[in-house]
Amino acid sequence: MNQMNIVQLENYRQKLLELKLVLLTDNDVDNTRLVEIQPAQLDVLSFHLQIKKQEAIKYKQAQLQAIDGALRRIEHDDFGFCYFCNQPISEAQLNFDLTVTRCIKCADKAFE
């Protein structure tokens, strides 16, 4: 059972849904699918701009997947627990990144 109360979980869920809405309505990065770049058809500047656009789309897709994962964890009462050690993730860490899946100790171990 999750140690967070219903109000806390609902607040996190609302923040995640707001973040998802912002990402989905962001017109700076086109929400279309990635397309294969044909370098012969582009000049150098256009080619680099297209690469940057595709990187932004991939990053946005990864953010949306992380948000969906956090929303699923809330539904399944797993939100706020480390994926590796199953210990609670600190509230400060969750407030910094709502999609975090590791506690500080396990995150540090990943970089050792």
N, C-alpha and C. Protein backbone atom coordinates (compact mmCIF):
# COMPACT_ATOMS: atom_id res chain seq x y z
N MET A 1 0.84 -1.19 0.00
CA MET A 1 0.00 0.00 0.00
C MET A 1 0.87 1.24 0.00
N ASN A 2 0.52 2.21 -0.79
CA ASN A 2 1.29 3.44 -0.91
C ASN A 2 1.14 4.27 0.35
N GLN A 3 2.27 4.82 0.84
CA GLN A 3 2.25 5.62 2.06
C GLN A 3 1.70 7.02 1.83
N MET A 4 1.61 7.44 0.59
CA MET A 4 1.05 8.76 0.30
C MET A 4 -0.46 8.72 0.48
N ASN A 5 -0.99 9.85 0.90
CA ASN A 5 -2.44 9.88 1.04
C ASN A 5 -3.10 10.18 -0.31
N ILE A 6 -4.39 10.03 -0.33
CA ILE A 6 -5.13 10.19 -1.58
C ILE A 6 -4.97 11.59 -2.15
N VAL A 7 -4.94 12.59 -1.29
CA VAL A 7 -4.80 13.97 -1.75
C VAL A 7 -3.45 14.18 -2.42
N GLN A 8 -2.38 13.66 -1.81
CA GLN A 8 -1.05 13.78 -2.42
C GLN A 8 -1.00 13.11 -3.78
N LEU A 9 -1.51 11.90 -3.86
CA LEU A 9 -1.51 11.18 -5.14
C LEU A 9 -2.32 11.92 -6.20
N GLU A 10 -3.45 12.47 -5.80
CA GLU A 10 -4.28 13.21 -6.76
C GLU A 10 -3.56 14.48 -7.21
N ASN A 11 -2.84 15.14 -6.31
CA ASN A 11 -2.06 16.32 -6.69
C ASN A 11 -0.98 15.95 -7.70
N TYR A 12 -0.27 14.86 -7.46
CA TYR A 12 0.75 14.41 -8.40
C TYR A 12 0.12 14.04 -9.75
N ARG A 13 -1.02 13.37 -9.69
CA ARG A 13 -1.70 12.98 -10.93
C ARG A 13 -2.10 14.23 -11.73
N GLN A 14 -2.64 15.23 -11.06
CA GLN A 14 -3.03 16.46 -11.75
C GLN A 14 -1.83 17.17 -12.36
N LYS A 15 -0.71 17.21 -11.63
CA LYS A 15 0.50 17.84 -12.17
C LYS A 15 1.00 17.10 -13.40
N LEU A 16 0.95 15.77 -13.36
CA LEU A 16 1.37 14.98 -14.51
C LEU A 16 0.46 15.22 -15.71
N LEU A 17 -0.84 15.27 -15.47
CA LEU A 17 -1.78 15.52 -16.57
C LEU A 17 -1.59 16.92 -17.16
N GLU A 18 -1.30 17.90 -16.31
CA GLU A 18 -1.04 19.26 -16.81
C GLU A 18 0.23 19.29 -17.66
N LEU A 19 1.27 18.61 -17.18
CA LEU A 19 2.52 18.54 -17.93
C LEU A 19 2.31 17.85 -19.28
N LYS A 20 1.54 16.79 -19.27
CA LYS A 20 1.24 16.06 -20.52
C LYS A 20 0.49 16.96 -21.50
N LEU A 21 -0.48 17.71 -21.00
CA LEU A 21 -1.24 18.62 -21.85
C LEU A 21 -0.34 19.69 -22.47
N VAL A 22 0.57 20.23 -21.68
CA VAL A 22 1.52 21.23 -22.20
C VAL A 22 2.35 20.63 -23.33
N LEU A 23 2.85 19.41 -23.12
CA LEU A 23 3.66 18.77 -24.15
C LEU A 23 2.85 18.48 -25.41
N LEU A 24 1.62 18.05 -25.24
CA LEU A 24 0.79 17.71 -26.39
C LEU A 24 0.33 18.94 -27.17
N THR A 25 0.25 20.08 -26.52
CA THR A 25 -0.20 21.29 -27.20
C THR A 25 0.95 22.22 -27.57
N ASP A 26 2.18 21.78 -27.34
CA ASP A 26 3.36 22.58 -27.68
C ASP A 26 3.53 22.59 -29.19
N ASN A 27 3.41 23.75 -29.78
CA ASN A 27 3.53 23.87 -31.23
C ASN A 27 4.96 24.13 -31.68
N ASP A 28 5.88 24.34 -30.73
CA ASP A 28 7.28 24.55 -31.10
C ASP A 28 7.88 23.29 -31.71
N VAL A 29 7.43 22.15 -31.23
CA VAL A 29 7.88 20.87 -31.77
C VAL A 29 6.67 20.20 -32.38
N ASP A 30 6.73 19.97 -33.65
CA ASP A 30 5.62 19.36 -34.37
C ASP A 30 5.33 17.98 -33.79
N ASN A 31 4.07 17.67 -33.59
CA ASN A 31 3.67 16.39 -33.03
C ASN A 31 3.61 15.27 -34.06
N THR A 32 4.07 15.53 -35.25
CA THR A 32 4.00 14.51 -36.29
C THR A 32 5.05 13.44 -36.06
N ARG A 33 4.91 12.38 -36.80
CA ARG A 33 5.87 11.28 -36.68
C ARG A 33 7.22 11.69 -37.29
N LEU A 34 8.23 10.95 -36.90
CA LEU A 34 9.56 11.19 -37.46
C LEU A 34 9.58 10.74 -38.92
N VAL A 35 10.28 11.47 -39.73
CA VAL A 35 10.43 11.10 -41.13
C VAL A 35 11.90 10.89 -41.43
N GLU A 36 12.16 10.05 -42.40
CA GLU A 36 13.54 9.80 -42.78
C GLU A 36 14.09 11.01 -43.52
N ILE A 37 15.26 11.43 -43.10
CA ILE A 37 15.90 12.59 -43.72
C ILE A 37 16.70 12.13 -44.93
N GLN A 38 16.53 12.83 -46.03
CA GLN A 38 17.30 12.56 -47.24
C GLN A 38 18.31 13.69 -47.40
N PRO A 39 19.56 13.49 -46.96
CA PRO A 39 20.55 14.57 -46.99
C PRO A 39 20.77 15.18 -48.37
N ALA A 40 20.63 14.41 -49.41
CA ALA A 40 20.86 14.94 -50.75
C ALA A 40 19.83 16.01 -51.12
N GLN A 41 18.69 15.99 -50.47
CA GLN A 41 17.63 16.95 -50.78
C GLN A 41 17.74 18.24 -49.98
N LEU A 42 18.63 18.30 -49.02
CA LEU A 42 18.71 19.44 -48.13
C LEU A 42 20.08 20.10 -48.19
N ASP A 43 20.11 21.41 -48.00
CA ASP A 43 21.41 22.05 -47.83
C ASP A 43 21.88 21.76 -46.40
N VAL A 44 23.10 22.13 -46.08
CA VAL A 44 23.69 21.78 -44.79
C VAL A 44 22.89 22.35 -43.62
N LEU A 45 22.50 23.62 -43.70
CA LEU A 45 21.75 24.23 -42.61
C LEU A 45 20.40 23.56 -42.43
N SER A 46 19.70 23.33 -43.50
CA SER A 46 18.40 22.67 -43.42
C SER A 46 18.53 21.26 -42.85
N PHE A 47 19.59 20.58 -43.23
CA PHE A 47 19.84 19.24 -42.72
C PHE A 47 20.02 19.27 -41.21
N HIS A 48 20.84 20.20 -40.71
CA HIS A 48 21.08 20.30 -39.27
C HIS A 48 19.81 20.71 -38.52
N LEU A 49 19.02 21.60 -39.09
CA LEU A 49 17.76 21.99 -38.47
C LEU A 49 16.80 20.81 -38.40
N GLN A 50 16.78 20.00 -39.44
CA GLN A 50 15.91 18.82 -39.45
C GLN A 50 16.36 17.80 -38.39
N ILE A 51 17.67 17.65 -38.25
CA ILE A 51 18.21 16.75 -37.21
C ILE A 51 17.78 17.24 -35.83
N LYS A 52 17.92 18.53 -35.57
CA LYS A 52 17.53 19.11 -34.28
C LYS A 52 16.04 18.91 -34.02
N LYS A 53 15.24 19.09 -35.05
CA LYS A 53 13.80 18.91 -34.91
C LYS A 53 13.48 17.46 -34.54
N GLN A 54 14.14 16.52 -35.19
CA GLN A 54 13.90 15.12 -34.88
C GLN A 54 14.35 14.77 -33.47
N GLU A 55 15.46 15.36 -33.02
CA GLU A 55 15.91 15.14 -31.64
C GLU A 55 14.88 15.67 -30.66
N ALA A 56 14.31 16.83 -30.95
CA ALA A 56 13.29 17.42 -30.08
C ALA A 56 12.04 16.54 -30.04
N ILE A 57 11.66 15.99 -31.18
CA ILE A 57 10.49 15.11 -31.22
C ILE A 57 10.75 13.85 -30.40
N LYS A 58 11.94 13.26 -30.53
CA LYS A 58 12.28 12.06 -29.74
C LYS A 58 12.26 12.36 -28.25
N TYR A 59 12.81 13.52 -27.86
CA TYR A 59 12.83 13.91 -26.45
C TYR A 59 11.40 14.08 -25.93
N LYS A 60 10.57 14.73 -26.72
CA LYS A 60 9.18 14.95 -26.33
C LYS A 60 8.44 13.61 -26.18
N GLN A 61 8.68 12.69 -27.11
CA GLN A 61 8.06 11.37 -27.03
C GLN A 61 8.51 10.63 -25.77
N ALA A 62 9.79 10.75 -25.42
CA ALA A 62 10.30 10.11 -24.21
C ALA A 62 9.66 10.72 -22.96
N GLN A 63 9.49 12.03 -22.95
CA GLN A 63 8.83 12.68 -21.81
C GLN A 63 7.39 12.20 -21.67
N LEU A 64 6.69 12.11 -22.78
CA LEU A 64 5.30 11.65 -22.74
C LEU A 64 5.21 10.21 -22.24
N GLN A 65 6.14 9.36 -22.66
CA GLN A 65 6.16 7.97 -22.18
C GLN A 65 6.43 7.92 -20.68
N ALA A 66 7.34 8.76 -20.20
CA ALA A 66 7.65 8.80 -18.77
C ALA A 66 6.44 9.26 -17.96
N ILE A 67 5.73 10.24 -18.48
CA ILE A 67 4.52 10.73 -17.81
C ILE A 67 3.46 9.64 -17.77
N ASP A 68 3.26 8.96 -18.89
CA ASP A 68 2.28 7.86 -18.93
C ASP A 68 2.67 6.77 -17.94
N GLY A 69 3.96 6.48 -17.82
CA GLY A 69 4.42 5.49 -16.85
C GLY A 69 4.12 5.92 -15.42
N ALA A 70 4.35 7.19 -15.11
CA ALA A 70 4.06 7.69 -13.77
C ALA A 70 2.56 7.63 -13.48
N LEU A 71 1.74 7.96 -14.47
CA LEU A 71 0.29 7.87 -14.28
C LEU A 71 -0.16 6.43 -14.04
N ARG A 72 0.46 5.48 -14.75
CA ARG A 72 0.15 4.06 -14.52
C ARG A 72 0.57 3.64 -13.11
N ARG A 73 1.72 4.14 -12.65
CA ARG A 73 2.18 3.78 -11.30
C ARG A 73 1.21 4.32 -10.25
N ILE A 74 0.64 5.49 -10.49
CA ILE A 74 -0.36 6.02 -9.56
C ILE A 74 -1.58 5.10 -9.55
N GLU A 75 -2.04 4.69 -10.72
CA GLU A 75 -3.21 3.80 -10.81
C GLU A 75 -2.97 2.46 -10.11
N HIS A 76 -1.73 1.96 -10.20
CA HIS A 76 -1.41 0.64 -9.64
C HIS A 76 -0.81 0.73 -8.25
N ASP A 77 -0.86 1.93 -7.65
CA ASP A 77 -0.38 2.15 -6.29
C ASP A 77 1.11 1.88 -6.13
N ASP A 78 1.88 2.11 -7.20
CA ASP A 78 3.33 1.94 -7.16
C ASP A 78 4.06 3.27 -7.22
N PHE A 79 3.34 4.36 -7.38
CA PHE A 79 3.97 5.67 -7.53
C PHE A 79 4.69 6.06 -6.24
N GLY A 80 5.91 6.58 -6.41
CA GLY A 80 6.67 7.04 -5.25
C GLY A 80 7.55 5.98 -4.63
N PHE A 81 7.62 4.82 -5.26
CA PHE A 81 8.50 3.76 -4.77
C PHE A 81 9.57 3.45 -5.80
N CYS A 82 10.77 3.19 -5.33
CA CYS A 82 11.90 2.89 -6.20
C CYS A 82 11.65 1.58 -6.94
N TYR A 83 11.93 1.60 -8.22
CA TYR A 83 11.75 0.43 -9.07
C TYR A 83 12.69 -0.71 -8.67
N PHE A 84 13.86 -0.36 -8.12
CA PHE A 84 14.87 -1.37 -7.81
C PHE A 84 14.79 -1.89 -6.38
N CYS A 85 14.69 -1.00 -5.39
CA CYS A 85 14.73 -1.44 -4.00
C CYS A 85 13.37 -1.37 -3.31
N ASN A 86 12.38 -0.82 -3.99
CA ASN A 86 11.01 -0.70 -3.50
C ASN A 86 10.87 0.19 -2.26
N GLN A 87 11.89 1.00 -1.98
CA GLN A 87 11.82 1.96 -0.88
C GLN A 87 11.14 3.24 -1.38
N PRO A 88 10.54 4.00 -0.46
CA PRO A 88 9.90 5.25 -0.89
C PRO A 88 10.90 6.24 -1.48
N ILE A 89 10.49 6.92 -2.52
CA ILE A 89 11.28 8.00 -3.12
C ILE A 89 10.91 9.27 -2.37
N SER A 90 11.90 10.09 -2.06
CA SER A 90 11.63 11.29 -1.27
C SER A 90 10.68 12.24 -2.00
N GLU A 91 9.91 12.96 -1.20
CA GLU A 91 8.96 13.93 -1.77
C GLU A 91 9.70 15.02 -2.54
N ALA A 92 10.87 15.41 -2.02
CA ALA A 92 11.67 16.43 -2.72
C ALA A 92 12.09 15.94 -4.10
N GLN A 93 12.48 14.68 -4.18
CA GLN A 93 12.89 14.11 -5.46
C GLN A 93 11.70 14.02 -6.41
N LEU A 94 10.55 13.63 -5.91
CA LEU A 94 9.34 13.56 -6.75
C LEU A 94 8.91 14.94 -7.22
N ASN A 95 9.05 15.93 -6.35
CA ASN A 95 8.68 17.29 -6.75
C ASN A 95 9.62 17.84 -7.80
N PHE A 96 10.87 17.38 -7.80
CA PHE A 96 11.83 17.80 -8.81
C PHE A 96 11.53 17.14 -10.15
N ASP A 97 11.19 15.84 -10.11
CA ASP A 97 10.90 15.08 -11.33
C ASP A 97 9.78 14.09 -11.02
N LEU A 98 8.60 14.39 -11.48
CA LEU A 98 7.43 13.54 -11.20
C LEU A 98 7.53 12.15 -11.81
N THR A 99 8.42 11.99 -12.77
CA THR A 99 8.51 10.70 -13.47
C THR A 99 9.63 9.82 -12.95
N VAL A 100 10.30 10.24 -11.90
CA VAL A 100 11.45 9.51 -11.38
C VAL A 100 11.02 8.10 -10.95
N THR A 101 11.90 7.13 -11.21
CA THR A 101 11.59 5.73 -10.87
C THR A 101 12.61 5.12 -9.90
N ARG A 102 13.63 5.90 -9.53
CA ARG A 102 14.66 5.39 -8.62
C ARG A 102 14.85 6.33 -7.44
N CYS A 103 15.11 5.75 -6.29
CA CYS A 103 15.47 6.57 -5.14
C CYS A 103 16.90 7.09 -5.35
N ILE A 104 17.32 8.01 -4.52
CA ILE A 104 18.66 8.61 -4.66
C ILE A 104 19.75 7.54 -4.59
N LYS A 105 19.63 6.61 -3.63
CA LYS A 105 20.67 5.58 -3.48
C LYS A 105 20.80 4.73 -4.75
N CYS A 106 19.69 4.28 -5.29
CA CYS A 106 19.75 3.44 -6.49
C CYS A 106 20.17 4.24 -7.71
N ALA A 107 19.78 5.50 -7.77
CA ALA A 107 20.22 6.35 -8.88
C ALA A 107 21.72 6.56 -8.82
N ASP A 108 22.26 6.76 -7.61
CA ASP A 108 23.71 6.92 -7.45
C ASP A 108 24.45 5.65 -7.85
N LYS A 109 23.90 4.49 -7.49
CA LYS A 109 24.54 3.21 -7.84
C LYS A 109 24.63 3.03 -9.35
N ALA A 110 23.66 3.55 -10.07
CA ALA A 110 23.65 3.41 -11.53
C ALA A 110 24.81 4.15 -12.17
N PHE A 111 25.34 5.17 -11.48
CA PHE A 111 26.44 5.97 -12.03
C PHE A 111 27.79 5.56 -11.49
N GLU A 112 27.85 4.56 -10.65
CA GLU A 112 29.14 4.09 -10.10
C GLU A 112 29.87 3.23 -11.09
